[in-house]
Amino acid sequence: MKLRRGPMAVGRLTAALAPELGISRPAVSQHLRVLKEAGLVRDEAVGTRRYYRIDRDGLEAMREYLNNFWDEALEAFQAKVEEE
């Protein structure tokens, strides 16, 4: 993700993503809105621009959820294998 390098405005983020993904500015804004609602990015108004950055707390919560998910899945798999 481009935001790992630091905060970026929507225009700059679109310019970075458009050549790779062919994504429009409205689509980038829409994705950022979803990520913000999910608690994975934060934004800050600076003048007329909004700068987006990764929300480390949200990312950590997602990482913890996924780790628990995989731990449970692997435990269930192990129990099934040992059952047979």
C-alpha atoms as a PDB file:
ATOM      1  CA  MET A   1       0.000   0.000   0.000  1.00  0.00           C
ATOM      2  CA  LYS A   2       1.286   3.405  -0.955  1.00  0.00           C
ATOM      3  CA  LEU A   3       0.371   4.906   2.434  1.00  0.00           C
ATOM      4  CA  ARG A   4       3.083   2.851   4.152  1.00  0.00           C
ATOM      5  CA  ARG A   5       5.540   5.474   2.949  1.00  0.00           C
ATOM      6  CA  GLY A   6       3.672   8.225   4.776  1.00  0.00           C
ATOM      7  CA  PRO A   7       0.610  10.488   4.518  1.00  0.00           C
ATOM      8  CA  MET A   8      -0.648  11.302   1.037  1.00  0.00           C
ATOM      9  CA  ALA A   9      -3.293  13.553  -0.454  1.00  0.00           C
ATOM     10  CA  VAL A  10      -5.947  11.943  -2.655  1.00  0.00           C
ATOM     11  CA  GLY A  11      -4.540  13.531  -5.816  1.00  0.00           C
ATOM     12  CA  ARG A  12      -1.036  12.250  -5.186  1.00  0.00           C
ATOM     13  CA  LEU A  13      -2.333   8.829  -4.232  1.00  0.00           C
ATOM     14  CA  THR A  14      -4.407   8.690  -7.425  1.00  0.00           C
ATOM     15  CA  ALA A  15      -1.371   9.687  -9.501  1.00  0.00           C
ATOM     16  CA  ALA A  16       0.612   6.882  -7.872  1.00  0.00           C
ATOM     17  CA  LEU A  17      -2.101   4.251  -8.378  1.00  0.00           C
ATOM     18  CA  ALA A  18      -3.529   5.192 -11.787  1.00  0.00           C
ATOM     19  CA  PRO A  19      -0.649   3.813 -13.899  1.00  0.00           C
ATOM     20  CA  GLU A  20      -0.658   0.506 -11.996  1.00  0.00           C
ATOM     21  CA  LEU A  21      -4.383  -0.023 -11.550  1.00  0.00           C
ATOM     22  CA  GLY A  22      -6.118   2.390 -13.922  1.00  0.00           C
ATOM     23  CA  ILE A  23      -8.136   3.774 -11.015  1.00  0.00           C
ATOM     24  CA  SER A  24      -9.860   7.180 -11.035  1.00  0.00           C
ATOM     25  CA  ARG A  25      -9.758   9.869  -8.364  1.00  0.00           C
ATOM     26  CA  PRO A  26     -13.422   9.279  -7.359  1.00  0.00           C
ATOM     27  CA  ALA A  27     -12.675   5.554  -6.992  1.00  0.00           C
ATOM     28  CA  VAL A  28      -9.636   6.286  -4.799  1.00  0.00           C
ATOM     29  CA  SER A  29     -11.771   8.608  -2.646  1.00  0.00           C
ATOM     30  CA  GLN A  30     -14.433   5.923  -2.344  1.00  0.00           C
ATOM     31  CA  HIS A  31     -11.876   3.300  -1.287  1.00  0.00           C
ATOM     32  CA  LEU A  32     -10.367   5.672   1.261  1.00  0.00           C
ATOM     33  CA  ARG A  33     -13.818   6.350   2.717  1.00  0.00           C
ATOM     34  CA  VAL A  34     -14.393   2.603   3.183  1.00  0.00           C
ATOM     35  CA  LEU A  35     -10.947   2.137   4.736  1.00  0.00           C
ATOM     36  CA  LYS A  36     -11.622   5.084   7.069  1.00  0.00           C
ATOM     37  CA  GLU A  37     -14.986   3.627   8.148  1.00  0.00           C
ATOM     38  CA  ALA A  38     -13.208   0.328   8.834  1.00  0.00           C
ATOM     39  CA  GLY A  39     -10.672   2.150  11.026  1.00  0.00           C
ATOM     40  CA  LEU A  40      -7.712   1.300   8.782  1.00  0.00           C
ATOM     41  CA  VAL A  41      -6.840   4.865   7.703  1.00  0.00           C
ATOM     42  CA  ARG A  42      -7.171   8.335   9.221  1.00  0.00           C
ATOM     43  CA  ASP A  43      -7.399  11.655   7.477  1.00  0.00           C
ATOM     44  CA  GLU A  44      -6.357  15.172   8.336  1.00  0.00           C
ATOM     45  CA  ALA A  45      -7.390  18.396   6.651  1.00  0.00           C
ATOM     46  CA  VAL A  46      -4.509  20.683   5.715  1.00  0.00           C
ATOM     47  CA  GLY A  47      -5.819  23.705   3.884  1.00  0.00           C
ATOM     48  CA  THR A  48      -8.022  22.457   1.059  1.00  0.00           C
ATOM     49  CA  ARG A  49      -6.472  18.987   0.988  1.00  0.00           C
ATOM     50  CA  ARG A  50      -7.083  15.879   3.015  1.00  0.00           C
ATOM     51  CA  TYR A  51      -4.065  13.776   3.840  1.00  0.00           C
ATOM     52  CA  TYR A  52      -4.588  10.092   4.556  1.00  0.00           C
ATOM     53  CA  ARG A  53      -2.362   7.891   6.664  1.00  0.00           C
ATOM     54  CA  ILE A  54      -2.522   4.350   7.959  1.00  0.00           C
ATOM     55  CA  ASP A  55      -4.252   4.019  11.332  1.00  0.00           C
ATOM     56  CA  ARG A  56      -1.859   1.722  13.172  1.00  0.00           C
ATOM     57  CA  ASP A  57      -4.410   0.901  15.887  1.00  0.00           C
ATOM     58  CA  GLY A  58      -6.912  -0.284  13.286  1.00  0.00           C
ATOM     59  CA  LEU A  59      -4.257  -2.270  11.462  1.00  0.00           C
ATOM     60  CA  GLU A  60      -3.156  -3.910  14.705  1.00  0.00           C
ATOM     61  CA  ALA A  61      -6.761  -4.858  15.518  1.00  0.00           C
ATOM     62  CA  MET A  62      -7.104  -6.433  12.065  1.00  0.00           C
ATOM     63  CA  ARG A  63      -3.814  -8.298  12.493  1.00  0.00           C
ATOM     64  CA  GLU A  64      -4.974  -9.646  15.860  1.00  0.00           C
ATOM     65  CA  TYR A  65      -8.305 -10.763  14.373  1.00  0.00           C
ATOM     66  CA  LEU A  66      -6.583 -12.569  11.497  1.00  0.00           C
ATOM     67  CA  ASN A  67      -4.069 -14.217  13.817  1.00  0.00           C
ATOM     68  CA  ASN A  68      -6.914 -15.513  15.996  1.00  0.00           C
ATOM     69  CA  PHE A  69      -8.804 -16.672  12.914  1.00  0.00           C
ATOM     70  CA  TRP A  70      -5.819 -18.668  11.638  1.00  0.00           C
ATOM     71  CA  ASP A  71      -5.004 -20.037  15.097  1.00  0.00           C
ATOM     72  CA  GLU A  72      -8.558 -21.378  15.387  1.00  0.00           C
ATOM     73  CA  ALA A  73      -8.504 -22.759  11.841  1.00  0.00           C
ATOM     74  CA  LEU A  74      -5.179 -24.518  12.385  1.00  0.00           C
ATOM     75  CA  GLU A  75      -6.317 -25.955  15.713  1.00  0.00           C
ATOM     76  CA  ALA A  76      -9.465 -27.315  14.064  1.00  0.00           C
ATOM     77  CA  PHE A  77      -7.397 -28.783  11.234  1.00  0.00           C
ATOM     78  CA  GLN A  78      -5.000 -30.404  13.711  1.00  0.00           C
ATOM     79  CA  ALA A  79      -7.898 -31.878  15.701  1.00  0.00           C
ATOM     80  CA  LYS A  80      -9.419 -33.298  12.497  1.00  0.00           C
ATOM     81  CA  VAL A  81      -6.116 -34.835  11.405  1.00  0.00           C
ATOM     82  CA  GLU A  82      -5.526 -36.376  14.837  1.00  0.00           C
ATOM     83  CA  GLU A  83      -9.116 -37.684  14.841  1.00  0.00           C
ATOM     84  CA  GLU A  84      -8.480 -39.717  11.684  1.00  0.00           C
END
